[in-house]
Amino acid sequence: EVAGIGAQAAACALSAGQPEQAAALLEQSRGLLLAETMDARSQLDLLAGHDPGLAGEFKALRDHRAFLDAERAGEPDPFTPVRDRTAHRLAEQVREAAEQWDALLARIRTRPGLAGFLAPPPIGELKRQAAQGPIVMVIADELRCDALVLTAGRDHPVRHVPLPDL
């Protein structure tokens, strides 16, 4: 369901003239999708090491959001008269869970050693990854196609290369 979200976010950042933000968003989406696939073990282990209570709260809210997503993905019975009311209630629950998620991440990030918890990597970290040579990230989205060339350069670490014919 979210396979193209990183490319869409990066395309929006490029449209706003922010290639560094585009690179960070691509890397964050790649990291989040990988973490989700791996059950976010490393980030969750880090959190549990700092604050087991927050880790439990994180797991419970993550599981609740997954349940709501599964509910939302289910096909409602079109002949059920309460369908609109049920859909409205579900949408409200999803919105509340998203607000709780944002608040929980903000609380987690205030803890020492957790400022970057599930946050986009800073451009300095991306530059360090390119120390051995340029890294090329390709964005292929319905809105646009581009390449981002990440280097260890100080002034312009991310070069934007439009690929209009891709």
N, C-alpha and C. Protein backbone atom coordinates (compact mmCIF):
# COMPACT_ATOMS: atom_id res chain seq x y z
N GLU A 1 0.81 -1.20 0.00
CA GLU A 1 0.00 0.00 0.00
C GLU A 1 0.85 1.26 0.00
N VAL A 2 2.04 1.21 0.56
CA VAL A 2 2.86 2.41 0.69
C VAL A 2 4.14 2.34 -0.13
N ALA A 3 4.17 1.47 -1.11
CA ALA A 3 5.41 1.24 -1.86
C ALA A 3 5.95 2.51 -2.50
N GLY A 4 5.13 3.42 -2.97
CA GLY A 4 5.61 4.61 -3.66
C GLY A 4 5.65 5.86 -2.80
N ILE A 5 5.38 5.73 -1.51
CA ILE A 5 5.27 6.93 -0.67
C ILE A 5 6.58 7.70 -0.57
N GLY A 6 7.69 7.02 -0.51
CA GLY A 6 8.98 7.71 -0.43
C GLY A 6 9.25 8.52 -1.69
N ALA A 7 8.97 7.93 -2.85
CA ALA A 7 9.17 8.65 -4.11
C ALA A 7 8.23 9.85 -4.20
N GLN A 8 7.00 9.70 -3.73
CA GLN A 8 6.06 10.82 -3.76
C GLN A 8 6.51 11.95 -2.85
N ALA A 9 6.97 11.60 -1.65
CA ALA A 9 7.45 12.62 -0.71
C ALA A 9 8.68 13.32 -1.29
N ALA A 10 9.59 12.56 -1.86
CA ALA A 10 10.80 13.14 -2.45
C ALA A 10 10.45 14.03 -3.64
N ALA A 11 9.51 13.60 -4.45
CA ALA A 11 9.08 14.41 -5.60
C ALA A 11 8.51 15.75 -5.12
N CYS A 12 7.75 15.73 -4.05
CA CYS A 12 7.19 16.97 -3.50
C CYS A 12 8.30 17.87 -2.97
N ALA A 13 9.28 17.29 -2.30
CA ALA A 13 10.41 18.08 -1.79
C ALA A 13 11.19 18.70 -2.96
N LEU A 14 11.38 17.95 -4.03
CA LEU A 14 12.08 18.49 -5.19
C LEU A 14 11.28 19.62 -5.82
N SER A 15 9.97 19.45 -5.89
CA SER A 15 9.12 20.51 -6.45
C SER A 15 9.22 21.78 -5.62
N ALA A 16 9.52 21.62 -4.33
CA ALA A 16 9.69 22.77 -3.43
C ALA A 16 11.13 23.28 -3.43
N GLY A 17 12.00 22.70 -4.28
CA GLY A 17 13.38 23.14 -4.37
C GLY A 17 14.25 22.70 -3.21
N GLN A 18 13.94 21.54 -2.62
CA GLN A 18 14.68 21.06 -1.45
C GLN A 18 15.27 19.68 -1.71
N PRO A 19 16.36 19.59 -2.49
CA PRO A 19 16.93 18.28 -2.80
C PRO A 19 17.48 17.54 -1.57
N GLU A 20 18.03 18.27 -0.59
CA GLU A 20 18.53 17.60 0.62
C GLU A 20 17.38 16.94 1.37
N GLN A 21 16.26 17.64 1.46
CA GLN A 21 15.08 17.07 2.13
C GLN A 21 14.57 15.87 1.34
N ALA A 22 14.62 15.94 0.03
CA ALA A 22 14.18 14.80 -0.81
C ALA A 22 15.03 13.57 -0.51
N ALA A 23 16.35 13.76 -0.41
CA ALA A 23 17.23 12.63 -0.11
C ALA A 23 16.94 12.07 1.27
N ALA A 24 16.73 12.95 2.25
CA ALA A 24 16.42 12.49 3.61
C ALA A 24 15.10 11.73 3.65
N LEU A 25 14.11 12.21 2.92
CA LEU A 25 12.81 11.53 2.91
C LEU A 25 12.91 10.16 2.24
N LEU A 26 13.67 10.08 1.16
CA LEU A 26 13.86 8.78 0.51
C LEU A 26 14.52 7.79 1.46
N GLU A 27 15.55 8.25 2.13
CA GLU A 27 16.27 7.37 3.05
C GLU A 27 15.39 6.99 4.23
N GLN A 28 14.61 7.95 4.72
CA GLN A 28 13.71 7.65 5.84
C GLN A 28 12.66 6.62 5.42
N SER A 29 12.07 6.80 4.26
CA SER A 29 11.04 5.85 3.84
C SER A 29 11.63 4.47 3.63
N ARG A 30 12.83 4.41 3.08
CA ARG A 30 13.50 3.12 2.90
C ARG A 30 13.75 2.48 4.27
N GLY A 31 14.21 3.29 5.21
CA GLY A 31 14.47 2.79 6.55
C GLY A 31 13.21 2.37 7.27
N LEU A 32 12.14 3.14 7.12
CA LEU A 32 10.89 2.79 7.79
C LEU A 32 10.28 1.52 7.21
N LEU A 33 10.32 1.39 5.89
CA LEU A 33 9.76 0.18 5.28
C LEU A 33 10.58 -1.03 5.67
N LEU A 34 11.90 -0.88 5.70
CA LEU A 34 12.76 -1.99 6.12
C LEU A 34 12.51 -2.31 7.59
N ALA A 35 12.42 -1.27 8.42
CA ALA A 35 12.17 -1.48 9.85
C ALA A 35 10.83 -2.15 10.07
N GLU A 36 9.82 -1.75 9.28
CA GLU A 36 8.51 -2.36 9.42
C GLU A 36 8.58 -3.83 9.04
N THR A 37 9.31 -4.13 7.98
CA THR A 37 9.47 -5.50 7.55
C THR A 37 10.19 -6.34 8.60
N MET A 38 11.17 -5.73 9.26
CA MET A 38 11.94 -6.44 10.28
C MET A 38 11.34 -6.26 11.67
N ASP A 39 10.11 -5.75 11.75
CA ASP A 39 9.42 -5.54 13.02
C ASP A 39 10.11 -4.47 13.86
N ALA A 40 10.81 -3.55 13.20
CA ALA A 40 11.46 -2.40 13.85
C ALA A 40 12.32 -2.83 15.04
N ARG A 41 12.96 -3.95 14.95
CA ARG A 41 13.69 -4.52 16.09
C ARG A 41 14.81 -3.61 16.60
N SER A 42 15.65 -3.08 15.72
CA SER A 42 16.78 -2.31 16.21
C SER A 42 16.33 -1.04 16.91
N GLN A 43 15.39 -0.32 16.31
CA GLN A 43 14.88 0.90 16.95
C GLN A 43 14.13 0.56 18.24
N LEU A 44 13.37 -0.50 18.20
CA LEU A 44 12.61 -0.90 19.38
C LEU A 44 13.54 -1.39 20.49
N ASP A 45 14.58 -2.11 20.12
CA ASP A 45 15.58 -2.54 21.11
C ASP A 45 16.27 -1.33 21.74
N LEU A 46 16.60 -0.34 20.92
CA LEU A 46 17.21 0.88 21.42
C LEU A 46 16.28 1.56 22.42
N LEU A 47 15.02 1.69 22.04
CA LEU A 47 14.03 2.32 22.92
C LEU A 47 13.86 1.52 24.22
N ALA A 48 13.75 0.21 24.10
CA ALA A 48 13.58 -0.64 25.29
C ALA A 48 14.78 -0.52 26.23
N GLY A 49 15.98 -0.35 25.67
CA GLY A 49 17.15 -0.17 26.50
C GLY A 49 17.13 1.14 27.28
N HIS A 50 16.52 2.16 26.70
CA HIS A 50 16.44 3.46 27.35
C HIS A 50 15.23 3.56 28.29
N ASP A 51 14.09 3.02 27.83
CA ASP A 51 12.86 3.18 28.60
C ASP A 51 11.89 2.05 28.24
N PRO A 52 11.90 0.96 29.02
CA PRO A 52 11.02 -0.18 28.72
C PRO A 52 9.54 0.18 28.70
N GLY A 53 9.14 1.12 29.54
CA GLY A 53 7.73 1.53 29.56
C GLY A 53 7.32 2.19 28.26
N LEU A 54 8.16 3.09 27.75
CA LEU A 54 7.86 3.73 26.47
C LEU A 54 7.88 2.71 25.33
N ALA A 55 8.77 1.74 25.42
CA ALA A 55 8.83 0.69 24.39
C ALA A 55 7.52 -0.10 24.37
N GLY A 56 6.99 -0.41 25.55
CA GLY A 56 5.71 -1.11 25.61
C GLY A 56 4.58 -0.27 25.05
N GLU A 57 4.59 1.01 25.37
CA GLU A 57 3.58 1.92 24.83
C GLU A 57 3.69 2.02 23.31
N PHE A 58 4.94 2.08 22.82
CA PHE A 58 5.18 2.13 21.39
C PHE A 58 4.63 0.89 20.69
N LYS A 59 4.94 -0.29 21.25
CA LYS A 59 4.46 -1.55 20.64
C LYS A 59 2.93 -1.61 20.64
N ALA A 60 2.32 -1.23 21.75
CA ALA A 60 0.86 -1.29 21.84
C ALA A 60 0.21 -0.35 20.83
N LEU A 61 0.73 0.87 20.71
CA LEU A 61 0.14 1.82 19.76
C LEU A 61 0.42 1.40 18.32
N ARG A 62 1.62 0.87 18.07
CA ARG A 62 1.94 0.37 16.73
C ARG A 62 0.97 -0.75 16.34
N ASP A 63 0.71 -1.67 17.26
CA ASP A 63 -0.20 -2.78 16.98
C ASP A 63 -1.64 -2.28 16.79
N HIS A 64 -2.03 -1.29 17.59
CA HIS A 64 -3.38 -0.71 17.45
C HIS A 64 -3.54 -0.06 16.08
N ARG A 65 -2.51 0.67 15.64
CA ARG A 65 -2.58 1.30 14.32
C ARG A 65 -2.63 0.25 13.21
N ALA A 66 -1.89 -0.84 13.37
CA ALA A 66 -1.93 -1.92 12.37
C ALA A 66 -3.32 -2.54 12.32
N PHE A 67 -3.95 -2.70 13.48
CA PHE A 67 -5.31 -3.23 13.53
C PHE A 67 -6.27 -2.29 12.80
N LEU A 68 -6.15 -0.99 13.08
CA LEU A 68 -7.04 -0.02 12.42
C LEU A 68 -6.80 -0.01 10.91
N ASP A 69 -5.54 -0.12 10.49
CA ASP A 69 -5.25 -0.16 9.05
C ASP A 69 -5.88 -1.38 8.40
N ALA A 70 -5.83 -2.52 9.10
CA ALA A 70 -6.45 -3.74 8.57
C ALA A 70 -7.96 -3.58 8.49
N GLU A 71 -8.54 -2.95 9.50
CA GLU A 71 -9.98 -2.70 9.49
C GLU A 71 -10.35 -1.78 8.33
N ARG A 72 -9.55 -0.76 8.13
CA ARG A 72 -9.82 0.20 7.07
C ARG A 72 -9.67 -0.43 5.69
N ALA A 73 -8.79 -1.41 5.57
CA ALA A 73 -8.56 -2.07 4.28
C ALA A 73 -9.66 -3.05 3.94
N GLY A 74 -10.42 -3.51 4.94
CA GLY A 74 -11.50 -4.46 4.70
C GLY A 74 -12.62 -3.81 3.90
N GLU A 75 -13.25 -4.60 3.07
CA GLU A 75 -14.36 -4.10 2.25
C GLU A 75 -15.64 -4.09 3.08
N PRO A 76 -16.23 -2.91 3.27
CA PRO A 76 -17.49 -2.88 4.02
C PRO A 76 -18.63 -3.47 3.19
N ASP A 77 -19.58 -4.03 3.87
CA ASP A 77 -20.78 -4.57 3.22
C ASP A 77 -21.64 -3.40 2.77
N PRO A 78 -21.85 -3.22 1.45
CA PRO A 78 -22.61 -2.07 0.97
C PRO A 78 -24.08 -2.10 1.38
N PHE A 79 -24.59 -3.23 1.84
CA PHE A 79 -25.98 -3.33 2.23
C PHE A 79 -26.21 -3.12 3.72
N THR A 80 -25.15 -2.83 4.46
CA THR A 80 -25.28 -2.57 5.88
C THR A 80 -25.66 -1.11 6.08
N PRO A 81 -26.81 -0.83 6.70
CA PRO A 81 -27.25 0.55 6.83
C PRO A 81 -26.35 1.42 7.72
N VAL A 82 -25.56 0.82 8.57
CA VAL A 82 -24.70 1.61 9.46
C VAL A 82 -23.30 1.80 8.89
N ARG A 83 -23.13 1.48 7.61
CA ARG A 83 -21.82 1.54 7.00
C ARG A 83 -21.19 2.93 7.12
N ASP A 84 -21.94 3.98 6.81
CA ASP A 84 -21.38 5.33 6.87
C ASP A 84 -20.99 5.70 8.29
N ARG A 85 -21.81 5.34 9.26
CA ARG A 85 -21.51 5.64 10.66
C ARG A 85 -20.27 4.87 11.11
N THR A 86 -20.17 3.61 10.70
CA THR A 86 -19.02 2.79 11.06
C THR A 86 -17.75 3.34 10.41
N ALA A 87 -17.83 3.72 9.15
CA ALA A 87 -16.67 4.28 8.44
C ALA A 87 -16.24 5.59 9.10
N HIS A 88 -17.20 6.40 9.51
CA HIS A 88 -16.88 7.65 10.17
C HIS A 88 -16.18 7.39 11.51
N ARG A 89 -16.69 6.44 12.27
CA ARG A 89 -16.08 6.10 13.57
C ARG A 89 -14.66 5.56 13.36
N LEU A 90 -14.48 4.72 12.36
CA LEU A 90 -13.16 4.17 12.07
C LEU A 90 -12.19 5.29 11.67
N ALA A 91 -12.66 6.21 10.83
CA ALA A 91 -11.81 7.33 10.41
C ALA A 91 -11.41 8.17 11.63
N GLU A 92 -12.32 8.37 12.55
CA GLU A 92 -12.02 9.12 13.76
C GLU A 92 -10.98 8.38 14.61
N GLN A 93 -11.10 7.07 14.71
CA GLN A 93 -10.14 6.28 15.47
C GLN A 93 -8.75 6.34 14.83
N VAL A 94 -8.71 6.28 13.50
CA VAL A 94 -7.43 6.38 12.78
C VAL A 94 -6.79 7.73 13.04
N ARG A 95 -7.59 8.80 12.98
CA ARG A 95 -7.08 10.15 13.23
C ARG A 95 -6.54 10.27 14.66
N GLU A 96 -7.28 9.76 15.63
CA GLU A 96 -6.84 9.81 17.03
C GLU A 96 -5.55 9.01 17.23
N ALA A 97 -5.47 7.85 16.61
CA ALA A 97 -4.26 7.02 16.73
C ALA A 97 -3.06 7.73 16.10
N ALA A 98 -3.28 8.42 14.99
CA ALA A 98 -2.19 9.17 14.34
C ALA A 98 -1.71 10.29 15.25
N GLU A 99 -2.63 10.98 15.90
CA GLU A 99 -2.25 12.05 16.83
C GLU A 99 -1.49 11.47 18.02
N GLN A 100 -1.94 10.34 18.53
CA GLN A 100 -1.25 9.70 19.65
C GLN A 100 0.15 9.27 19.22
N TRP A 101 0.28 8.75 18.00
CA TRP A 101 1.57 8.32 17.46
C TRP A 101 2.54 9.49 17.40
N ASP A 102 2.08 10.61 16.85
CA ASP A 102 2.94 11.79 16.74
C ASP A 102 3.37 12.27 18.13
N ALA A 103 2.43 12.29 19.07
CA ALA A 103 2.76 12.72 20.43
C ALA A 103 3.74 11.76 21.09
N LEU A 104 3.55 10.46 20.87
CA LEU A 104 4.46 9.46 21.46
C LEU A 104 5.86 9.61 20.87
N LEU A 105 5.97 9.78 19.55
CA LEU A 105 7.29 9.98 18.94
C LEU A 105 7.95 11.24 19.48
N ALA A 106 7.18 12.30 19.68
CA ALA A 106 7.74 13.53 20.24
C ALA A 106 8.27 13.28 21.66
N ARG A 107 7.53 12.52 22.46
CA ARG A 107 7.98 12.20 23.82
C ARG A 107 9.24 11.34 23.79
N ILE A 108 9.26 10.35 22.92
CA ILE A 108 10.43 9.47 22.81
C ILE A 108 11.66 10.29 22.43
N ARG A 109 11.50 11.21 21.48
CA ARG A 109 12.63 11.99 20.98
C ARG A 109 13.18 12.99 22.00
N THR A 110 12.46 13.21 23.09
CA THR A 110 12.99 14.09 24.14
C THR A 110 13.93 13.34 25.07
N ARG A 111 13.95 12.02 25.01
CA ARG A 111 14.82 11.21 25.87
C ARG A 111 16.27 11.27 25.37
N PRO A 112 17.23 11.32 26.28
CA PRO A 112 18.64 11.33 25.87
C PRO A 112 18.96 10.09 25.01
N GLY A 113 19.62 10.31 23.91
CA GLY A 113 20.03 9.22 23.03
C GLY A 113 18.96 8.79 22.04
N LEU A 114 17.78 9.41 22.08
CA LEU A 114 16.69 9.00 21.20
C LEU A 114 16.18 10.13 20.31
N ALA A 115 16.94 11.20 20.18
CA ALA A 115 16.49 12.36 19.41
C ALA A 115 16.17 12.01 17.95
N GLY A 116 16.85 11.02 17.40
CA GLY A 116 16.63 10.65 16.00
C GLY A 116 15.72 9.46 15.81
N PHE A 117 14.98 9.06 16.84
CA PHE A 117 14.14 7.86 16.78
C PHE A 117 13.11 7.99 15.66
N LEU A 118 13.19 7.11 14.66
CA LEU A 118 12.31 7.07 13.49
C LEU A 118 12.20 8.41 12.78
N ALA A 119 13.27 9.22 12.82
CA ALA A 119 13.30 10.51 12.15
C ALA A 119 14.14 10.39 10.88
N PRO A 120 13.93 11.31 9.93
CA PRO A 120 14.79 11.28 8.74
C PRO A 120 16.25 11.46 9.16
N PRO A 121 17.15 10.80 8.46
CA PRO A 121 18.56 10.96 8.82
C PRO A 121 19.02 12.38 8.49
N PRO A 122 19.87 12.97 9.33
CA PRO A 122 20.39 14.31 9.02
C PRO A 122 21.30 14.24 7.80
N ILE A 123 21.41 15.37 7.11
CA ILE A 123 22.21 15.39 5.88
C ILE A 123 23.66 15.01 6.16
N GLY A 124 24.16 15.30 7.36
CA GLY A 124 25.52 14.92 7.72
C GLY A 124 25.71 13.41 7.68
N GLU A 125 24.72 12.67 8.14
CA GLU A 125 24.80 11.20 8.11
C GLU A 125 24.78 10.70 6.67
N LEU A 126 23.95 11.30 5.84
CA LEU A 126 23.90 10.90 4.43
C LEU A 126 25.22 11.20 3.73
N LYS A 127 25.83 12.34 4.05
CA LYS A 127 27.13 12.68 3.46
C LYS A 127 28.20 11.66 3.86
N ARG A 128 28.16 11.21 5.11
CA ARG A 128 29.15 10.20 5.56
C ARG A 128 28.99 8.90 4.76
N GLN A 129 27.76 8.56 4.40
CA GLN A 129 27.54 7.33 3.62
C GLN A 129 28.15 7.45 2.23
N ALA A 130 28.31 8.68 1.75
CA ALA A 130 28.86 8.90 0.42
C ALA A 130 30.36 9.19 0.45
N ALA A 131 31.03 8.92 1.55
CA ALA A 131 32.46 9.22 1.68
C ALA A 131 33.31 8.44 0.69
N GLN A 132 32.90 7.23 0.34
CA GLN A 132 33.69 6.40 -0.58
C GLN A 132 33.36 6.66 -2.04
N GLY A 133 32.36 7.48 -2.30
CA GLY A 133 31.97 7.79 -3.68
C GLY A 133 30.51 8.17 -3.72
N PRO A 134 30.11 8.79 -4.83
CA PRO A 134 28.73 9.26 -4.94
C PRO A 134 27.72 8.12 -4.85
N ILE A 135 26.57 8.45 -4.29
CA ILE A 135 25.43 7.53 -4.22
C ILE A 135 24.32 8.16 -5.05
N VAL A 136 23.75 7.38 -5.96
CA VAL A 136 22.69 7.89 -6.82
C VAL A 136 21.37 7.27 -6.37
N MET A 137 20.41 8.14 -6.11
CA MET A 137 19.06 7.72 -5.74
C MET A 137 18.13 8.13 -6.88
N VAL A 138 17.38 7.18 -7.41
CA VAL A 138 16.47 7.48 -8.52
C VAL A 138 15.05 7.56 -7.97
N ILE A 139 14.36 8.61 -8.36
CA ILE A 139 12.97 8.81 -7.97
C ILE A 139 12.13 8.65 -9.23
N ALA A 140 11.30 7.64 -9.24
CA ALA A 140 10.40 7.42 -10.37
C ALA A 140 8.97 7.48 -9.83
N ASP A 141 8.30 8.58 -10.10
CA ASP A 141 6.96 8.79 -9.59
C ASP A 141 6.08 9.30 -10.73
N GLU A 142 4.78 9.21 -10.56
CA GLU A 142 3.87 9.71 -11.58
C GLU A 142 4.04 11.21 -11.80
N LEU A 143 4.40 11.94 -10.74
CA LEU A 143 4.56 13.38 -10.83
C LEU A 143 5.80 13.79 -11.61
N ARG A 144 6.89 13.04 -11.39
CA ARG A 144 8.16 13.41 -12.01
C ARG A 144 9.17 12.29 -11.82
N CYS A 145 10.25 12.35 -12.58
CA CYS A 145 11.36 11.40 -12.43
C CYS A 145 12.65 12.21 -12.31
N ASP A 146 13.46 11.83 -11.35
CA ASP A 146 14.68 12.56 -11.06
C ASP A 146 15.72 11.61 -10.50
N ALA A 147 16.95 12.10 -10.47
CA ALA A 147 18.02 11.41 -9.75
C ALA A 147 18.59 12.40 -8.75
N LEU A 148 18.96 11.89 -7.61
CA LEU A 148 19.66 12.67 -6.61
C LEU A 148 21.05 12.06 -6.49
N VAL A 149 22.08 12.87 -6.65
CA VAL A 149 23.46 12.40 -6.54
C VAL A 149 23.98 12.92 -5.20
N LEU A 150 24.18 12.01 -4.30
CA LEU A 150 24.63 12.33 -2.95
C LEU A 150 26.15 12.21 -2.89
N THR A 151 26.81 13.28 -2.44
CA THR A 151 28.26 13.28 -2.33
C THR A 151 28.65 13.72 -0.92
N ALA A 152 29.91 13.65 -0.63
CA ALA A 152 30.41 14.09 0.66
C ALA A 152 30.76 15.58 0.64
N GLY A 153 30.41 16.27 -0.44
CA GLY A 153 30.74 17.69 -0.58
C GLY A 153 30.12 18.55 0.52
N ARG A 154 30.82 19.62 0.87
CA ARG A 154 30.34 20.47 1.97
C ARG A 154 29.25 21.42 1.52
N ASP A 155 29.40 22.06 0.39
CA ASP A 155 28.47 23.11 -0.02
C ASP A 155 27.16 22.56 -0.58
N HIS A 156 27.26 21.62 -1.48
CA HIS A 156 26.06 21.06 -2.12
C HIS A 156 26.15 19.54 -2.12
N PRO A 157 25.83 18.90 -1.01
CA PRO A 157 26.00 17.44 -0.92
C PRO A 157 25.00 16.65 -1.76
N VAL A 158 23.91 17.29 -2.19
CA VAL A 158 22.92 16.59 -3.01
C VAL A 158 22.72 17.38 -4.30
N ARG A 159 23.04 16.72 -5.42
CA ARG A 159 22.82 17.34 -6.74
C ARG A 159 21.57 16.74 -7.35
N HIS A 160 20.70 17.59 -7.82
CA HIS A 160 19.43 17.17 -8.43
C HIS A 160 19.61 17.09 -9.94
N VAL A 161 19.26 15.93 -10.52
CA VAL A 161 19.34 15.73 -11.96
C VAL A 161 17.95 15.33 -12.45
N PRO A 162 17.24 16.24 -13.13
CA PRO A 162 15.92 15.90 -13.67
C PRO A 162 16.04 14.82 -14.74
N LEU A 163 15.12 13.89 -14.76
CA LEU A 163 15.08 12.82 -15.76
C LEU A 163 13.70 12.85 -16.44
N PRO A 164 13.43 13.87 -17.24
CA PRO A 164 12.08 14.06 -17.78
C PRO A 164 11.64 12.96 -18.74
N ASP A 165 12.57 12.25 -19.36
CA ASP A 165 12.20 11.23 -20.34
C ASP A 165 12.19 9.81 -19.78
N LEU A 166 12.39 9.68 -18.48
CA LEU A 166 12.41 8.34 -17.87
C LEU A 166 11.01 7.74 -17.86
